[in-house]
């Protein structure tokens, strides 16, 4: 019964809400909190990197305030009234195929993304491979991909269904990479199928199509991720939540150089 209530809440938020007319960016505050946590451990070099990043974030925030599009200046904005928690408990569904890295990794990074968000595609194509190679594969970071399809993007939720169907069959990474890399090809017409079929074996693709058309459970993991996004106060995509030593920090997705600096500070003895 609780899952039905939560799924209804998610559907209402995604189907009925209009993009917010006003948004208050907190990129500068988020980066400032991260720097404050690292405190005296910051070297001269890392202070310089963070200062540059904060200045850039502040500039982008000011530019975002004047932007008329819901996707501009490095992020797609979440409608303000989509950030309301439902009354019932969170949907209890954690998809294992969305998780990579060692369970004992000292840091967990959760990436909230929308498949139709151009900045999410850029982040997954350019930054995530570096994060995986340097920190996930080496056992330092556990990575979780969370879906946050925004109501202004009609193809974001179908794309999530395709990726999650492929995930159930053991092809999640291949599907995610293909969907993001071909975003410009399907973003205007929603023909995700035509692009994904080039990355998956024919028999797997047939099963994916059938699941996308008939399996309502594919939305369970999306509902759970949206609930978590609201709980984490995510107000744009892409965004990160970094969990280390029992503390969760939410921040707009930073460039890899900035992210690397912060991870290294967290890992320092």
Protein backbone atom coordinates (compact mmCIF):
# COMPACT_ATOMS: atom_id res chain seq x y z
CA UNK A 1 0.00 0.00 0.00
CA UNK A 2 2.84 2.42 0.88
CA UNK A 3 4.56 1.74 -2.45
CA UNK A 4 1.32 2.52 -4.29
CA UNK A 5 1.04 5.83 -2.42
CA UNK A 6 4.66 6.75 -3.15
CA UNK A 7 4.40 5.79 -6.81
CA UNK A 8 1.28 7.92 -7.12
CA UNK A 9 3.16 10.82 -5.52
CA UNK A 10 6.03 10.41 -7.96
CA UNK A 11 3.69 10.24 -10.95
CA UNK A 12 1.83 13.36 -9.81
CA UNK A 13 5.05 15.29 -9.34
CA UNK A 14 6.45 14.23 -12.72
CA UNK A 15 3.27 14.57 -14.77
CA UNK A 16 1.57 17.63 -13.34
CA UNK A 17 4.27 20.04 -12.18
CA UNK A 18 5.49 22.97 -14.20
CA UNK A 19 9.12 24.14 -14.01
CA UNK A 20 9.64 26.66 -11.26
CA UNK A 21 9.91 30.28 -12.26
CA UNK A 22 12.48 31.08 -9.59
CA UNK A 23 15.44 29.16 -8.19
CA UNK A 24 17.96 29.99 -5.52
CA UNK A 25 21.31 28.42 -6.37
CA UNK A 26 23.47 27.14 -3.53
CA UNK A 27 26.58 26.03 -5.39
CA UNK A 28 28.77 28.49 -3.55
CA UNK A 29 27.40 27.44 -0.17
CA UNK A 30 27.82 23.75 -0.99
CA UNK A 31 31.45 24.14 -2.00
CA UNK A 32 32.11 26.36 1.00
CA UNK A 33 30.78 23.66 3.35
CA UNK A 34 33.10 21.12 1.78
CA UNK A 35 36.09 23.39 2.20
CA UNK A 36 35.15 24.09 5.81
CA UNK A 37 34.98 20.37 6.58
CA UNK A 38 38.48 19.78 5.26
CA UNK A 39 39.72 22.68 7.44
CA UNK A 40 43.41 22.88 8.18
CA UNK A 41 44.24 19.86 6.04
CA UNK A 42 43.98 21.97 2.89
CA UNK A 43 47.30 22.61 1.17
CA UNK A 44 48.11 25.84 -0.67
CA UNK A 45 47.33 24.10 -3.97
CA UNK A 46 44.00 22.72 -2.83
CA UNK A 47 43.02 26.12 -1.39
CA UNK A 48 43.71 27.65 -4.79
CA UNK A 49 41.63 24.99 -6.55
CA UNK A 50 38.72 25.45 -4.18
CA UNK A 51 38.88 29.25 -4.39
CA UNK A 52 38.77 29.09 -8.16
CA UNK A 53 35.93 26.58 -8.06
CA UNK A 54 33.90 28.69 -5.63
CA UNK A 55 34.41 31.81 -7.72
CA UNK A 56 33.28 29.94 -10.82
CA UNK A 57 30.27 28.49 -8.99
CA UNK A 58 29.27 31.94 -7.77
CA UNK A 59 29.48 33.36 -11.28
CA UNK A 60 27.45 30.50 -12.71
CA UNK A 61 24.85 30.96 -9.98
CA UNK A 62 24.39 34.62 -10.89
CA UNK A 63 24.11 33.77 -14.56
CA UNK A 64 21.61 31.03 -13.78
CA UNK A 65 19.31 33.49 -12.04
CA UNK A 66 18.94 35.42 -15.29
CA UNK A 67 18.59 32.37 -17.53
CA UNK A 68 15.12 31.76 -18.93
CA UNK A 69 15.71 28.07 -19.73
CA UNK A 70 15.31 25.34 -17.12
CA UNK A 71 18.60 23.89 -18.40
CA UNK A 72 21.39 26.44 -18.60
CA UNK A 73 24.85 27.25 -17.29
CA UNK A 74 25.81 23.73 -16.32
CA UNK A 75 22.65 22.32 -14.75
CA UNK A 76 18.99 21.45 -15.22
CA UNK A 77 16.86 22.89 -12.43
CA UNK A 78 14.37 20.94 -10.33
CA UNK A 79 10.93 22.59 -10.03
CA UNK A 80 10.62 24.01 -6.51
CA UNK A 81 7.34 22.25 -5.73
CA UNK A 82 8.84 18.91 -6.71
CA UNK A 83 10.97 19.08 -3.56
CA UNK A 84 8.14 18.14 -1.18
CA UNK A 85 8.39 14.84 0.67
CA UNK A 86 5.41 12.47 0.54
CA UNK A 87 3.73 11.67 3.83
CA UNK A 88 4.45 7.93 3.70
CA UNK A 89 7.72 6.07 4.12
CA UNK A 90 10.35 5.81 1.39
CA UNK A 91 9.86 3.12 -1.26
CA UNK A 92 12.02 0.16 -0.20
CA UNK A 93 13.79 -0.65 -3.44
CA UNK A 94 17.56 -0.48 -4.00
CA UNK A 95 18.71 -1.78 -7.37
CA UNK A 96 22.03 -3.57 -6.98
CA UNK A 97 22.95 -3.03 -10.63
CA UNK A 98 23.12 0.73 -9.98
CA UNK A 99 25.89 0.21 -7.41
CA UNK A 100 29.55 -0.29 -8.29
CA UNK A 101 32.70 -0.52 -6.23
CA UNK A 102 33.67 -2.17 -2.97
CA UNK A 103 31.02 -2.33 -0.20
CA UNK A 104 33.82 -1.51 2.24
CA UNK A 105 34.95 1.62 0.40
CA UNK A 106 35.42 4.52 2.87
CA UNK A 107 33.49 6.95 0.63
CA UNK A 108 30.16 6.55 -1.15
CA UNK A 109 29.25 8.94 -3.95
CA UNK A 110 25.67 9.06 -5.25
CA UNK A 111 25.12 10.75 -8.61
CA UNK A 112 21.63 12.12 -9.31
CA UNK A 113 21.02 12.49 -13.01
CA UNK A 114 18.39 12.91 -15.71
CA UNK A 115 19.04 11.12 -19.02
CA UNK A 116 17.74 14.08 -21.04
CA UNK A 117 19.84 16.63 -19.14
CA UNK A 118 22.73 17.64 -21.45
CA UNK A 119 24.99 18.42 -18.50
CA UNK A 120 24.38 14.97 -17.02
CA UNK A 121 25.46 13.45 -20.34
CA UNK A 122 28.61 15.56 -20.31
CA UNK A 123 29.35 14.55 -16.71
CA UNK A 124 28.88 10.84 -17.39
CA UNK A 125 30.91 10.98 -20.59
CA UNK A 126 33.83 13.01 -19.24
CA UNK A 127 34.02 12.97 -15.44
CA UNK A 128 32.53 9.64 -14.32
CA UNK A 129 35.06 7.50 -16.28
CA UNK A 130 37.90 9.29 -14.43
CA UNK A 131 36.15 8.81 -11.10
CA UNK A 132 35.66 5.11 -11.80
CA UNK A 133 39.22 4.52 -12.99
CA UNK A 134 40.96 6.37 -10.16
CA UNK A 135 38.69 5.71 -7.18
CA UNK A 136 35.99 3.08 -7.79
CA UNK A 137 38.19 0.40 -9.36
CA UNK A 138 40.83 0.98 -6.68
CA UNK A 139 38.33 0.35 -3.87
CA UNK A 140 38.35 3.91 -2.49
CA UNK A 141 34.85 4.94 -3.60
CA UNK A 142 31.54 3.13 -3.86
CA UNK A 143 29.41 4.67 -6.64
CA UNK A 144 25.60 4.74 -6.84
CA UNK A 145 23.68 6.01 -9.87
CA UNK A 146 20.30 7.53 -8.96
CA UNK A 147 17.60 8.45 -11.47
CA UNK A 148 16.01 11.87 -11.12
CA UNK A 149 13.90 12.38 -14.27
CA UNK A 150 12.59 15.95 -14.34
CA UNK A 151 9.06 16.82 -15.51
CA UNK A 152 10.33 19.21 -18.18
CA UNK A 153 12.03 16.28 -19.95
CA UNK A 154 9.47 13.95 -21.58
CA UNK A 155 12.00 11.26 -22.54
CA UNK A 156 13.95 11.09 -19.26
CA UNK A 157 11.68 8.56 -17.56
CA UNK A 158 11.41 6.27 -20.64
CA UNK A 159 15.21 6.36 -20.86
CA UNK A 160 15.42 5.31 -17.21
CA UNK A 161 13.06 2.41 -17.91
CA UNK A 162 15.29 1.23 -20.77
CA UNK A 163 18.43 1.48 -18.62
CA UNK A 164 16.82 -0.29 -15.66
CA UNK A 165 15.44 -3.06 -17.87
CA UNK A 166 18.95 -3.59 -19.25
CA UNK A 167 20.23 -3.54 -15.67
CA UNK A 168 17.90 -6.35 -14.67
CA UNK A 169 19.49 -8.40 -17.47
CA UNK A 170 23.08 -7.55 -16.56
CA UNK A 171 23.71 -4.78 -19.11
CA UNK A 172 23.23 -1.64 -17.05
CA UNK A 173 26.56 0.07 -17.70
CA UNK A 174 26.37 -0.62 -21.42
CA UNK A 175 22.86 0.85 -21.58
CA UNK A 176 23.66 3.93 -19.48
CA UNK A 177 26.76 4.72 -21.52
CA UNK A 178 24.93 4.32 -24.82
CA UNK A 179 21.93 6.40 -23.77
CA UNK A 180 24.09 9.28 -22.58
CA UNK A 181 26.50 9.14 -25.52
CA UNK A 182 23.67 9.25 -28.08
CA UNK A 183 21.52 11.80 -26.24
CA UNK A 184 21.59 14.32 -29.09
CA UNK A 185 20.26 11.66 -31.49
CA UNK A 186 17.14 10.75 -29.48
CA UNK A 187 16.49 13.89 -27.41
CA UNK A 188 14.15 15.42 -30.01
CA UNK A 189 12.23 12.29 -31.02
CA UNK A 190 12.50 9.93 -28.05
CA UNK A 191 13.74 7.04 -30.18
CA UNK A 192 15.96 5.59 -27.47
CA UNK A 193 15.29 2.09 -28.75
CA UNK A 194 17.03 2.74 -32.08
CA UNK A 195 20.22 3.82 -30.33
CA UNK A 196 20.24 1.20 -27.59
CA UNK A 197 19.76 -1.70 -30.00
CA UNK A 198 23.23 -0.97 -31.36
CA UNK A 199 24.82 -1.59 -27.96
CA UNK A 200 22.96 -4.68 -26.72
CA UNK A 201 22.79 -8.24 -28.11
CA UNK A 202 19.58 -8.83 -30.13
CA UNK A 203 18.11 -11.35 -27.68
CA UNK A 204 18.77 -9.01 -24.75
CA UNK A 205 17.24 -6.09 -26.65
CA UNK A 206 14.06 -8.06 -27.29
CA UNK A 207 13.70 -8.73 -23.58
CA UNK A 208 14.43 -5.08 -22.76
CA UNK A 209 11.67 -3.93 -25.12
CA UNK A 210 9.19 -6.32 -23.56
CA UNK A 211 10.05 -5.16 -20.04
CA UNK A 212 9.83 -1.47 -20.99
CA UNK A 213 6.37 -2.02 -22.43
CA UNK A 214 4.91 -4.31 -19.77
CA UNK A 215 6.93 -4.36 -16.51
CA UNK A 216 5.55 -1.77 -14.07
CA UNK A 217 8.21 -2.72 -11.51
CA UNK A 218 10.84 -0.85 -13.53
CA UNK A 219 9.44 2.33 -12.00
CA UNK A 220 10.03 1.14 -8.43
CA UNK A 221 13.72 1.99 -8.43
CA UNK A 222 13.00 5.36 -10.06
CA UNK A 223 10.43 6.16 -7.37
CA UNK A 224 12.93 5.26 -4.66
CA UNK A 225 15.62 7.45 -6.25
CA UNK A 226 13.26 10.42 -6.56
CA UNK A 227 12.28 10.05 -2.90
CA UNK A 228 15.97 10.07 -1.95
CA UNK A 229 16.60 13.11 -4.16
CA UNK A 230 13.89 15.07 -2.38
CA UNK A 231 15.20 13.94 1.00
CA UNK A 232 18.72 15.03 0.00
CA UNK A 233 17.38 18.44 -1.13
CA UNK A 234 18.63 17.99 -4.68
CA UNK A 235 17.72 21.10 -6.69
CA UNK A 236 19.53 20.46 -9.96
CA UNK A 237 20.96 17.73 -12.15
CA UNK A 238 23.62 16.55 -12.13
CA UNK A 239 24.22 16.61 -8.37
CA UNK A 240 26.32 14.53 -6.00
CA UNK A 241 25.85 13.29 -2.48
CA UNK A 242 29.13 12.33 -0.80
CA UNK A 243 28.88 10.05 2.23
CA UNK A 244 32.01 9.73 4.33
CA UNK A 245 32.39 8.79 7.99
CA UNK A 246 28.65 8.89 8.49
CA UNK A 247 28.12 12.38 7.10
CA UNK A 248 26.29 13.21 3.87
CA UNK A 249 27.16 16.29 1.81
CA UNK A 250 25.03 17.44 -1.13
CA UNK A 251 26.63 19.55 -3.84
CA UNK A 252 26.30 20.42 -7.53
CA UNK A 253 28.49 18.07 -9.57
CA UNK A 254 31.96 19.69 -9.59
CA UNK A 255 34.70 19.33 -12.24
CA UNK A 256 36.89 16.28 -11.72
CA UNK A 257 39.87 18.32 -10.51
CA UNK A 258 37.76 19.77 -7.69
CA UNK A 259 36.12 16.43 -6.89
CA UNK A 260 39.50 14.70 -6.84
CA UNK A 261 40.89 17.31 -4.44
CA UNK A 262 38.00 16.80 -2.03
CA UNK A 263 38.11 12.99 -2.21
CA UNK A 264 41.85 13.03 -1.52
CA UNK A 265 41.27 15.23 1.52
CA UNK A 266 38.64 12.81 2.84
CA UNK A 267 40.99 9.86 2.31
CA UNK A 268 43.93 11.55 4.01
CA UNK A 269 44.82 10.09 7.44
